[in-house]
Amino acid sequence: MKFTIVTLATLLASTLASPVNDKFPVASAVETNYEQELPENFTKPDANTPTTPSDVKSVEEINNKASSLRAAAHPCGTSVGSNFKNGNYISSGQCLYSQNGHSAVMQPDGNFVIYCSNLVAKWATGTQSVGADTFILQGDGNLVVYAGGYNGLARWASNTYSNGGDILFMQNDGNLVLYNGGRAVWASNTYC
């Protein structure tokens, strides 16, 4: 299939040379045609063919799909909420999850990682590949990552046992904060 492009100069020259414009004859007109070979399976789009309703997606449908893709890619399997108290823990695949999507995840590789809602990792304990599987807020207020459960080997600690932290929050600003009676005693300082 071939097609021809006729330039504006060609159209103008042919108009000026038409019998209506005898008074102003054009001495010569430059005609430029460009030809291009198109693939055999090329079909010209038909502007009169309506798009089927199934092809048209609403903004809401697109946003829902994007949200489900982000959720599928999120490293947290199960959220225990945005906070927990002394004696609570999360195991591999669980997380603390803020109301607006920031998370603190005990990953299957043993690393405890804080993610912003856009899934950018902001902070980690560096405990991957050492068998770590549990993150706990102990009764003494110390945050600890253990390998082999609560009675296993400590692989990381916040060293807040003397400050008596009693509740841990994954905040909406992306900061993971340990409080004692409303006073911050430890923070990840991870603002998203």
N, C-alpha and C. Protein backbone atom coordinates (compact mmCIF):
# COMPACT_ATOMS: atom_id res chain seq x y z
N MET A 1 0.85 -1.16 0.00
CA MET A 1 0.00 0.00 0.00
C MET A 1 0.90 1.22 0.00
N LYS A 2 0.57 2.21 -0.81
CA LYS A 2 1.32 3.45 -0.88
C LYS A 2 0.38 4.60 -0.58
N PHE A 3 0.96 5.67 -0.06
CA PHE A 3 0.17 6.87 0.10
C PHE A 3 1.03 8.05 -0.32
N THR A 4 0.40 9.14 -0.68
CA THR A 4 1.10 10.31 -1.17
C THR A 4 0.78 11.50 -0.26
N ILE A 5 1.81 12.23 0.08
CA ILE A 5 1.63 13.45 0.85
C ILE A 5 1.79 14.62 -0.11
N VAL A 6 0.80 15.44 -0.18
CA VAL A 6 0.86 16.62 -1.04
C VAL A 6 1.13 17.81 -0.14
N THR A 7 2.16 18.56 -0.48
CA THR A 7 2.54 19.68 0.38
C THR A 7 1.64 20.88 0.16
N LEU A 8 1.70 21.82 1.10
CA LEU A 8 0.94 23.05 1.01
C LEU A 8 1.34 23.83 -0.23
N ALA A 9 2.60 23.81 -0.59
CA ALA A 9 3.07 24.53 -1.79
C ALA A 9 2.39 23.98 -3.04
N THR A 10 2.20 22.67 -3.10
CA THR A 10 1.54 22.05 -4.25
C THR A 10 0.09 22.49 -4.32
N LEU A 11 -0.61 22.47 -3.19
CA LEU A 11 -2.00 22.89 -3.17
C LEU A 11 -2.15 24.36 -3.53
N LEU A 12 -1.28 25.19 -3.00
CA LEU A 12 -1.33 26.62 -3.29
C LEU A 12 -1.05 26.88 -4.76
N ALA A 13 -0.06 26.20 -5.31
CA ALA A 13 0.27 26.38 -6.72
C ALA A 13 -0.87 25.94 -7.61
N SER A 14 -1.52 24.84 -7.29
CA SER A 14 -2.62 24.37 -8.14
C SER A 14 -3.81 25.30 -8.04
N THR A 15 -4.03 25.90 -6.88
CA THR A 15 -5.13 26.85 -6.72
C THR A 15 -4.86 28.12 -7.51
N LEU A 16 -3.63 28.62 -7.43
CA LEU A 16 -3.28 29.85 -8.15
C LEU A 16 -3.31 29.65 -9.66
N ALA A 17 -3.03 28.44 -10.11
CA ALA A 17 -3.00 28.18 -11.55
C ALA A 17 -4.37 27.81 -12.10
N SER A 18 -5.38 27.78 -11.26
CA SER A 18 -6.71 27.39 -11.73
C SER A 18 -7.31 28.49 -12.60
N PRO A 19 -8.29 28.15 -13.45
CA PRO A 19 -8.88 29.12 -14.37
C PRO A 19 -9.46 30.34 -13.67
N VAL A 20 -9.86 30.22 -12.42
CA VAL A 20 -10.43 31.34 -11.70
C VAL A 20 -9.39 32.43 -11.50
N ASN A 21 -8.15 32.04 -11.46
CA ASN A 21 -7.08 32.98 -11.19
C ASN A 21 -6.24 33.26 -12.43
N ASP A 22 -6.87 33.46 -13.58
CA ASP A 22 -6.15 33.71 -14.83
C ASP A 22 -5.32 34.98 -14.76
N LYS A 23 -5.79 35.95 -13.97
CA LYS A 23 -5.08 37.22 -13.91
C LYS A 23 -3.69 37.07 -13.34
N PHE A 24 -3.52 36.10 -12.48
CA PHE A 24 -2.23 35.93 -11.82
C PHE A 24 -1.68 34.55 -12.11
N PRO A 25 -1.28 34.33 -13.34
CA PRO A 25 -0.77 33.00 -13.68
C PRO A 25 0.52 32.69 -12.91
N VAL A 26 0.66 31.46 -12.56
CA VAL A 26 1.86 31.02 -11.87
C VAL A 26 2.81 30.49 -12.91
N ALA A 27 4.02 31.06 -12.93
CA ALA A 27 5.01 30.67 -13.93
C ALA A 27 5.41 29.22 -13.74
N SER A 28 5.68 28.81 -12.53
CA SER A 28 6.01 27.41 -12.29
C SER A 28 5.69 27.08 -10.83
N ALA A 29 5.31 25.91 -10.61
CA ALA A 29 5.00 25.46 -9.26
C ALA A 29 5.83 24.23 -8.96
N VAL A 30 6.35 24.19 -7.76
CA VAL A 30 7.13 23.03 -7.35
C VAL A 30 6.17 22.05 -6.70
N GLU A 31 6.12 20.87 -7.23
CA GLU A 31 5.27 19.84 -6.66
C GLU A 31 6.16 18.79 -6.01
N THR A 32 5.90 18.53 -4.74
CA THR A 32 6.69 17.54 -4.02
C THR A 32 5.75 16.48 -3.50
N ASN A 33 5.98 15.28 -3.90
CA ASN A 33 5.21 14.14 -3.40
C ASN A 33 6.17 13.20 -2.68
N TYR A 34 5.75 12.75 -1.53
CA TYR A 34 6.54 11.78 -0.78
C TYR A 34 5.76 10.48 -0.77
N GLU A 35 6.42 9.42 -1.14
CA GLU A 35 5.77 8.12 -1.11
C GLU A 35 6.48 7.23 -0.10
N GLN A 36 5.68 6.44 0.57
CA GLN A 36 6.23 5.54 1.57
C GLN A 36 5.52 4.21 1.45
N GLU A 37 6.29 3.15 1.51
CA GLU A 37 5.73 1.80 1.47
C GLU A 37 5.30 1.43 2.89
N LEU A 38 4.04 1.03 3.05
CA LEU A 38 3.52 0.64 4.35
C LEU A 38 3.49 -0.88 4.47
N PRO A 39 3.54 -1.39 5.67
CA PRO A 39 3.47 -2.84 5.85
C PRO A 39 2.15 -3.39 5.31
N GLU A 40 2.18 -4.64 4.86
CA GLU A 40 0.99 -5.25 4.27
C GLU A 40 -0.17 -5.32 5.25
N ASN A 41 0.11 -5.51 6.51
CA ASN A 41 -0.96 -5.66 7.49
C ASN A 41 -1.44 -4.31 8.04
N PHE A 42 -0.98 -3.21 7.47
CA PHE A 42 -1.39 -1.88 7.91
C PHE A 42 -2.84 -1.63 7.54
N THR A 43 -3.61 -1.16 8.51
CA THR A 43 -4.99 -0.76 8.23
C THR A 43 -5.17 0.65 8.75
N LYS A 44 -5.85 1.41 7.97
CA LYS A 44 -6.10 2.79 8.33
C LYS A 44 -7.17 2.81 9.42
N PRO A 45 -6.91 3.52 10.53
CA PRO A 45 -7.94 3.60 11.57
C PRO A 45 -9.18 4.30 11.04
N ASP A 46 -10.32 3.80 11.42
CA ASP A 46 -11.58 4.40 10.99
C ASP A 46 -12.09 5.30 12.10
N ALA A 47 -12.10 6.60 11.84
CA ALA A 47 -12.53 7.57 12.85
C ALA A 47 -14.01 7.44 13.17
N ASN A 48 -14.76 6.78 12.31
CA ASN A 48 -16.19 6.64 12.53
C ASN A 48 -16.56 5.40 13.35
N THR A 49 -15.57 4.55 13.64
CA THR A 49 -15.85 3.36 14.42
C THR A 49 -15.78 3.72 15.90
N PRO A 50 -16.89 3.57 16.62
CA PRO A 50 -16.88 3.95 18.03
C PRO A 50 -16.06 2.97 18.87
N THR A 51 -15.48 3.47 19.92
CA THR A 51 -14.77 2.63 20.87
C THR A 51 -15.80 1.86 21.67
N THR A 52 -15.54 0.60 21.88
CA THR A 52 -16.50 -0.20 22.64
C THR A 52 -16.42 0.19 24.11
N PRO A 53 -17.53 0.12 24.83
CA PRO A 53 -17.53 0.49 26.25
C PRO A 53 -16.52 -0.28 27.08
N SER A 54 -16.22 -1.53 26.70
CA SER A 54 -15.26 -2.31 27.49
C SER A 54 -13.84 -1.78 27.33
N ASP A 55 -13.59 -1.00 26.26
CA ASP A 55 -12.27 -0.42 26.05
C ASP A 55 -12.06 0.84 26.88
N VAL A 56 -13.13 1.47 27.30
CA VAL A 56 -13.06 2.73 28.02
C VAL A 56 -13.03 2.44 29.52
N LYS A 57 -12.04 2.99 30.20
CA LYS A 57 -11.90 2.79 31.64
C LYS A 57 -12.10 4.13 32.35
N SER A 58 -12.82 4.09 33.45
CA SER A 58 -13.01 5.31 34.24
C SER A 58 -11.75 5.57 35.06
N VAL A 59 -11.60 6.79 35.52
CA VAL A 59 -10.47 7.15 36.38
C VAL A 59 -10.48 6.28 37.63
N GLU A 60 -11.67 6.03 38.16
CA GLU A 60 -11.79 5.19 39.36
C GLU A 60 -11.27 3.77 39.09
N GLU A 61 -11.62 3.20 37.92
CA GLU A 61 -11.15 1.86 37.59
C GLU A 61 -9.63 1.83 37.48
N ILE A 62 -9.06 2.85 36.87
CA ILE A 62 -7.60 2.91 36.71
C ILE A 62 -6.93 3.04 38.07
N ASN A 63 -7.46 3.92 38.93
CA ASN A 63 -6.89 4.09 40.27
C ASN A 63 -7.01 2.82 41.10
N ASN A 64 -8.14 2.11 40.99
CA ASN A 64 -8.31 0.86 41.72
C ASN A 64 -7.31 -0.19 41.27
N LYS A 65 -7.07 -0.27 39.97
CA LYS A 65 -6.11 -1.23 39.43
C LYS A 65 -4.70 -0.90 39.93
N ALA A 66 -4.34 0.40 39.90
CA ALA A 66 -3.03 0.82 40.38
C ALA A 66 -2.87 0.49 41.86
N SER A 67 -3.92 0.72 42.63
CA SER A 67 -3.89 0.43 44.06
C SER A 67 -3.71 -1.06 44.32
N SER A 68 -4.40 -1.90 43.55
CA SER A 68 -4.28 -3.34 43.75
C SER A 68 -2.89 -3.83 43.34
N LEU A 69 -2.29 -3.21 42.33
CA LEU A 69 -0.94 -3.59 41.93
C LEU A 69 0.06 -3.21 43.02
N ARG A 70 -0.10 -2.02 43.61
CA ARG A 70 0.77 -1.62 44.71
C ARG A 70 0.61 -2.57 45.88
N ALA A 71 -0.63 -2.94 46.19
CA ALA A 71 -0.88 -3.85 47.32
C ALA A 71 -0.24 -5.21 47.05
N ALA A 72 -0.32 -5.69 45.81
CA ALA A 72 0.26 -6.98 45.46
C ALA A 72 1.78 -6.95 45.58
N ALA A 73 2.37 -5.79 45.35
CA ALA A 73 3.82 -5.67 45.40
C ALA A 73 4.32 -5.39 46.82
N HIS A 74 3.43 -5.08 47.76
CA HIS A 74 3.84 -4.71 49.10
C HIS A 74 4.40 -5.91 49.84
N PRO A 75 5.50 -5.71 50.56
CA PRO A 75 6.15 -6.83 51.25
C PRO A 75 5.42 -7.32 52.50
N CYS A 76 4.38 -6.64 52.93
CA CYS A 76 3.67 -7.03 54.15
C CYS A 76 2.55 -8.00 53.82
N GLY A 77 2.58 -9.16 54.43
CA GLY A 77 1.51 -10.12 54.23
C GLY A 77 0.30 -9.83 55.09
N THR A 78 0.54 -9.56 56.38
CA THR A 78 -0.54 -9.33 57.34
C THR A 78 -0.19 -8.15 58.23
N SER A 79 -1.10 -7.19 58.31
CA SER A 79 -0.88 -6.04 59.19
C SER A 79 -1.50 -6.31 60.56
N VAL A 80 -0.80 -5.88 61.60
CA VAL A 80 -1.33 -6.00 62.96
C VAL A 80 -1.86 -4.66 63.45
N GLY A 81 -1.98 -3.69 62.54
CA GLY A 81 -2.45 -2.35 62.88
C GLY A 81 -1.31 -1.36 62.84
N SER A 82 -1.56 -0.17 63.37
CA SER A 82 -0.53 0.88 63.33
C SER A 82 0.29 0.94 64.62
N ASN A 83 -0.08 0.18 65.63
CA ASN A 83 0.68 0.22 66.89
C ASN A 83 0.54 -1.09 67.66
N PHE A 84 1.48 -1.28 68.57
CA PHE A 84 1.33 -2.37 69.54
C PHE A 84 2.03 -2.04 70.84
N LYS A 85 1.66 -2.79 71.88
CA LYS A 85 2.11 -2.52 73.25
C LYS A 85 3.13 -3.56 73.70
N ASN A 86 3.66 -3.34 74.90
CA ASN A 86 4.63 -4.27 75.49
C ASN A 86 4.16 -5.71 75.36
N GLY A 87 5.09 -6.56 74.98
CA GLY A 87 4.79 -7.98 74.87
C GLY A 87 4.27 -8.39 73.50
N ASN A 88 3.86 -7.41 72.67
CA ASN A 88 3.40 -7.74 71.32
C ASN A 88 4.59 -7.90 70.38
N TYR A 89 4.38 -8.70 69.35
CA TYR A 89 5.44 -8.94 68.37
C TYR A 89 4.83 -9.16 66.99
N ILE A 90 5.69 -9.08 65.99
CA ILE A 90 5.30 -9.48 64.64
C ILE A 90 6.31 -10.51 64.15
N SER A 91 5.81 -11.44 63.39
CA SER A 91 6.63 -12.50 62.82
C SER A 91 6.90 -12.22 61.35
N SER A 92 7.69 -13.08 60.76
CA SER A 92 8.04 -12.96 59.35
C SER A 92 6.79 -12.78 58.48
N GLY A 93 6.79 -11.73 57.64
CA GLY A 93 5.68 -11.46 56.74
C GLY A 93 4.62 -10.55 57.32
N GLN A 94 4.73 -10.19 58.60
CA GLN A 94 3.76 -9.30 59.23
C GLN A 94 4.33 -7.89 59.33
N CYS A 95 3.43 -6.92 59.58
CA CYS A 95 3.89 -5.54 59.67
C CYS A 95 2.99 -4.67 60.52
N LEU A 96 3.53 -3.53 60.89
CA LEU A 96 2.75 -2.41 61.41
C LEU A 96 2.47 -1.54 60.20
N TYR A 97 1.27 -1.01 60.11
CA TYR A 97 0.86 -0.30 58.89
C TYR A 97 0.13 0.98 59.29
N SER A 98 0.66 2.15 58.88
CA SER A 98 0.01 3.41 59.22
C SER A 98 -1.27 3.58 58.41
N GLN A 99 -2.11 4.52 58.83
CA GLN A 99 -3.38 4.76 58.14
C GLN A 99 -3.18 5.19 56.69
N ASN A 100 -2.07 5.83 56.39
CA ASN A 100 -1.86 6.29 55.01
C ASN A 100 -0.83 5.45 54.25
N GLY A 101 -0.53 4.25 54.73
CA GLY A 101 0.21 3.30 53.91
C GLY A 101 1.69 3.12 54.18
N HIS A 102 2.28 3.80 55.17
CA HIS A 102 3.67 3.54 55.52
C HIS A 102 3.70 2.27 56.36
N SER A 103 4.80 1.54 56.31
CA SER A 103 4.81 0.25 57.01
C SER A 103 6.17 -0.08 57.60
N ALA A 104 6.13 -0.90 58.63
CA ALA A 104 7.32 -1.47 59.26
C ALA A 104 7.14 -2.98 59.17
N VAL A 105 8.00 -3.64 58.39
CA VAL A 105 7.78 -5.03 57.99
C VAL A 105 8.88 -5.95 58.53
N MET A 106 8.46 -7.07 59.11
CA MET A 106 9.40 -8.14 59.44
C MET A 106 9.44 -9.03 58.21
N GLN A 107 10.46 -8.84 57.39
CA GLN A 107 10.53 -9.54 56.10
C GLN A 107 10.94 -11.00 56.26
N PRO A 108 10.56 -11.83 55.31
CA PRO A 108 10.95 -13.24 55.35
C PRO A 108 12.46 -13.47 55.32
N ASP A 109 13.22 -12.49 54.81
CA ASP A 109 14.68 -12.64 54.78
C ASP A 109 15.33 -12.33 56.13
N GLY A 110 14.51 -11.91 57.13
CA GLY A 110 15.02 -11.62 58.47
C GLY A 110 15.28 -10.15 58.74
N ASN A 111 15.15 -9.31 57.75
CA ASN A 111 15.38 -7.88 57.93
C ASN A 111 14.08 -7.20 58.35
N PHE A 112 14.16 -6.30 59.32
CA PHE A 112 13.02 -5.48 59.73
C PHE A 112 13.19 -4.15 59.01
N VAL A 113 12.24 -3.79 58.13
CA VAL A 113 12.41 -2.65 57.23
C VAL A 113 11.21 -1.70 57.32
N ILE A 114 11.49 -0.40 57.28
CA ILE A 114 10.44 0.62 57.23
C ILE A 114 10.33 1.10 55.80
N TYR A 115 9.09 1.06 55.28
CA TYR A 115 8.79 1.49 53.91
C TYR A 115 7.84 2.68 53.93
N CYS A 116 8.10 3.63 53.02
CA CYS A 116 7.12 4.68 52.77
C CYS A 116 5.99 4.07 51.95
N SER A 117 4.88 4.78 51.84
CA SER A 117 3.72 4.25 51.11
C SER A 117 4.04 3.99 49.64
N ASN A 118 5.07 4.64 49.08
CA ASN A 118 5.46 4.40 47.69
C ASN A 118 6.42 3.22 47.57
N LEU A 119 6.58 2.46 48.66
CA LEU A 119 7.40 1.24 48.75
C LEU A 119 8.90 1.50 48.69
N VAL A 120 9.32 2.72 48.99
CA VAL A 120 10.74 3.02 49.09
C VAL A 120 11.18 2.68 50.52
N ALA A 121 12.20 1.82 50.63
CA ALA A 121 12.72 1.45 51.94
C ALA A 121 13.50 2.63 52.52
N LYS A 122 13.18 2.99 53.79
CA LYS A 122 13.81 4.15 54.42
C LYS A 122 14.77 3.77 55.55
N TRP A 123 14.59 2.62 56.14
CA TRP A 123 15.41 2.23 57.29
C TRP A 123 15.33 0.72 57.45
N ALA A 124 16.40 0.11 57.98
CA ALA A 124 16.40 -1.34 58.20
C ALA A 124 17.33 -1.70 59.35
N THR A 125 17.06 -2.83 59.98
CA THR A 125 17.90 -3.32 61.06
C THR A 125 19.16 -4.00 60.54
N GLY A 126 19.18 -4.38 59.27
CA GLY A 126 20.34 -5.05 58.71
C GLY A 126 20.46 -6.49 59.18
N THR A 127 19.34 -7.11 59.50
CA THR A 127 19.35 -8.47 60.04
C THR A 127 18.96 -9.53 59.01
N GLN A 128 19.07 -9.21 57.74
CA GLN A 128 18.76 -10.21 56.72
C GLN A 128 19.83 -11.31 56.75
N SER A 129 19.44 -12.48 56.39
CA SER A 129 20.33 -13.64 56.26
C SER A 129 20.98 -14.10 57.57
N VAL A 130 20.37 -13.79 58.72
CA VAL A 130 20.91 -14.30 59.99
C VAL A 130 19.86 -15.10 60.74
N GLY A 131 18.81 -15.49 60.03
CA GLY A 131 17.76 -16.31 60.62
C GLY A 131 16.75 -15.56 61.46
N ALA A 132 16.78 -14.23 61.43
CA ALA A 132 15.83 -13.44 62.22
C ALA A 132 14.41 -13.65 61.70
N ASP A 133 13.45 -13.72 62.64
CA ASP A 133 12.07 -13.96 62.23
C ASP A 133 11.03 -13.29 63.12
N THR A 134 11.47 -12.57 64.17
CA THR A 134 10.53 -11.97 65.11
C THR A 134 11.01 -10.58 65.54
N PHE A 135 10.08 -9.62 65.53
CA PHE A 135 10.33 -8.26 66.04
C PHE A 135 9.38 -8.06 67.20
N ILE A 136 9.93 -7.72 68.39
CA ILE A 136 9.10 -7.64 69.59
C ILE A 136 9.36 -6.35 70.38
N LEU A 137 8.31 -5.86 71.01
CA LEU A 137 8.43 -4.81 72.02
C LEU A 137 8.35 -5.54 73.36
N GLN A 138 9.52 -5.73 73.97
CA GLN A 138 9.59 -6.50 75.22
C GLN A 138 8.95 -5.73 76.38
N GLY A 139 8.65 -6.45 77.44
CA GLY A 139 8.06 -5.85 78.63
C GLY A 139 8.92 -4.76 79.25
N ASP A 140 10.24 -4.82 79.04
CA ASP A 140 11.14 -3.81 79.60
C ASP A 140 11.27 -2.57 78.71
N GLY A 141 10.54 -2.57 77.56
CA GLY A 141 10.57 -1.42 76.66
C GLY A 141 11.61 -1.49 75.57
N ASN A 142 12.32 -2.59 75.46
CA ASN A 142 13.34 -2.74 74.43
C ASN A 142 12.73 -3.35 73.17
N LEU A 143 13.04 -2.78 72.02
CA LEU A 143 12.65 -3.35 70.73
C LEU A 143 13.76 -4.31 70.32
N VAL A 144 13.41 -5.55 69.98
CA VAL A 144 14.43 -6.55 69.66
C VAL A 144 14.00 -7.38 68.45
N VAL A 145 14.98 -7.67 67.58
CA VAL A 145 14.78 -8.62 66.47
C VAL A 145 15.47 -9.91 66.89
N TYR A 146 14.70 -11.00 66.91
CA TYR A 146 15.21 -12.31 67.32
C TYR A 146 15.25 -13.28 66.14
N ALA A 147 16.23 -14.20 66.21
CA ALA A 147 16.27 -15.35 65.31
C ALA A 147 15.81 -16.54 66.12
N GLY A 148 14.82 -17.26 65.62
CA GLY A 148 14.31 -18.42 66.34
C GLY A 148 13.24 -18.08 67.35
N GLY A 149 12.50 -16.99 67.10
CA GLY A 149 11.41 -16.62 67.99
C GLY A 149 11.90 -15.86 69.22
N TYR A 150 10.95 -15.58 70.11
CA TYR A 150 11.22 -14.77 71.30
C TYR A 150 12.32 -15.35 72.19
N ASN A 151 12.45 -16.64 72.24
CA ASN A 151 13.49 -17.28 73.07
C ASN A 151 14.78 -17.55 72.31
N GLY A 152 14.87 -17.03 71.09
CA GLY A 152 16.05 -17.27 70.26
C GLY A 152 17.17 -16.27 70.52
N LEU A 153 17.99 -16.09 69.50
CA LEU A 153 19.14 -15.18 69.59
C LEU A 153 18.74 -13.77 69.19
N ALA A 154 19.12 -12.78 70.00
CA ALA A 154 18.87 -11.38 69.66
C ALA A 154 19.84 -10.97 68.55
N ARG A 155 19.30 -10.40 67.48
CA ARG A 155 20.12 -9.98 66.34
C ARG A 155 20.20 -8.47 66.19
N TRP A 156 19.27 -7.76 66.82
CA TRP A 156 19.26 -6.28 66.82
C TRP A 156 18.43 -5.83 68.01
N ALA A 157 18.80 -4.67 68.59
CA ALA A 157 18.01 -4.11 69.69
C ALA A 157 18.10 -2.58 69.67
N SER A 158 17.04 -1.94 70.13
CA SER A 158 17.00 -0.48 70.20
C SER A 158 17.70 0.05 71.46
N ASN A 159 18.01 -0.84 72.40
CA ASN A 159 18.65 -0.48 73.67
C ASN A 159 17.84 0.54 74.46
N THR A 160 16.53 0.35 74.45
CA THR A 160 15.62 1.24 75.19
C THR A 160 15.06 0.56 76.44
N TYR A 161 15.72 -0.50 76.91
CA TYR A 161 15.21 -1.25 78.06
C TYR A 161 15.14 -0.42 79.33
N SER A 162 15.97 0.60 79.48
CA SER A 162 15.95 1.41 80.70
C SER A 162 14.96 2.58 80.62
N ASN A 163 14.41 2.82 79.42
CA ASN A 163 13.49 3.94 79.23
C ASN A 163 12.02 3.54 79.34
N GLY A 164 11.76 2.25 79.42
CA GLY A 164 10.40 1.77 79.66
C GLY A 164 9.39 2.08 78.57
N GLY A 165 9.78 1.99 77.29
CA GLY A 165 8.82 2.20 76.21
C GLY A 165 7.64 1.27 76.35
N ASP A 166 6.42 1.81 76.18
CA ASP A 166 5.25 0.95 76.39
C ASP A 166 4.32 0.83 75.18
N ILE A 167 4.53 1.65 74.15
CA ILE A 167 3.71 1.52 72.94
C ILE A 167 4.53 1.98 71.73
N LEU A 168 4.42 1.22 70.64
CA LEU A 168 5.14 1.51 69.40
C LEU A 168 4.14 1.91 68.33
N PHE A 169 4.39 3.03 67.65
CA PHE A 169 3.49 3.53 66.61
C PHE A 169 4.19 3.63 65.26
N MET A 170 3.53 3.14 64.21
CA MET A 170 3.93 3.46 62.83
C MET A 170 3.09 4.67 62.47
N GLN A 171 3.71 5.84 62.46
CA GLN A 171 2.98 7.10 62.31
C GLN A 171 2.71 7.44 60.85
N ASN A 172 1.77 8.34 60.64
CA ASN A 172 1.40 8.77 59.28
C ASN A 172 2.49 9.56 58.58
N ASP A 173 3.50 10.03 59.32
CA ASP A 173 4.62 10.74 58.69
C ASP A 173 5.74 9.79 58.27
N GLY A 174 5.56 8.48 58.51
CA GLY A 174 6.55 7.49 58.13
C GLY A 174 7.56 7.17 59.22
N ASN A 175 7.43 7.80 60.37
CA ASN A 175 8.35 7.60 61.48
C ASN A 175 7.81 6.49 62.39
N LEU A 176 8.67 5.56 62.76
CA LEU A 176 8.32 4.52 63.73
C LEU A 176 8.81 5.01 65.09
N VAL A 177 7.89 5.18 66.04
CA VAL A 177 8.25 5.81 67.32
C VAL A 177 7.79 4.96 68.49
N LEU A 178 8.70 4.81 69.47
CA LEU A 178 8.41 4.12 70.72
C LEU A 178 8.16 5.18 71.79
N TYR A 179 7.02 5.08 72.45
CA TYR A 179 6.62 6.05 73.47
C TYR A 179 6.56 5.40 74.85
N ASN A 180 6.82 6.22 75.86
CA ASN A 180 6.62 5.83 77.25
C ASN A 180 5.77 6.93 77.87
N GLY A 181 4.50 6.62 78.14
CA GLY A 181 3.60 7.61 78.72
C GLY A 181 3.45 8.86 77.88
N GLY A 182 3.49 8.74 76.57
CA GLY A 182 3.33 9.88 75.67
C GLY A 182 4.64 10.58 75.32
N ARG A 183 5.74 10.17 75.91
CA ARG A 183 7.06 10.76 75.62
C ARG A 183 7.84 9.82 74.71
N ALA A 184 8.37 10.35 73.60
CA ALA A 184 9.15 9.53 72.67
C ALA A 184 10.48 9.14 73.31
N VAL A 185 10.77 7.83 73.31
CA VAL A 185 12.04 7.35 73.86
C VAL A 185 12.95 6.75 72.78
N TRP A 186 12.38 6.50 71.60
CA TRP A 186 13.16 6.00 70.46
C TRP A 186 12.37 6.30 69.20
N ALA A 187 13.09 6.62 68.10
CA ALA A 187 12.43 6.85 66.81
C ALA A 187 13.37 6.43 65.69
N SER A 188 12.78 5.98 64.60
CA SER A 188 13.56 5.60 63.43
C SER A 188 14.00 6.83 62.63
N ASN A 189 13.34 7.96 62.85
CA ASN A 189 13.62 9.21 62.11
C ASN A 189 13.49 9.01 60.60
N THR A 190 12.47 8.30 60.23
CA THR A 190 12.20 8.01 58.81
C THR A 190 10.95 8.76 58.39
N TYR A 191 11.14 9.94 57.84
CA TYR A 191 10.00 10.74 57.40
C TYR A 191 9.81 10.54 55.91
N CYS A 192 8.59 10.20 55.52
CA CYS A 192 8.30 9.93 54.11
C CYS A 192 7.68 11.16 53.45
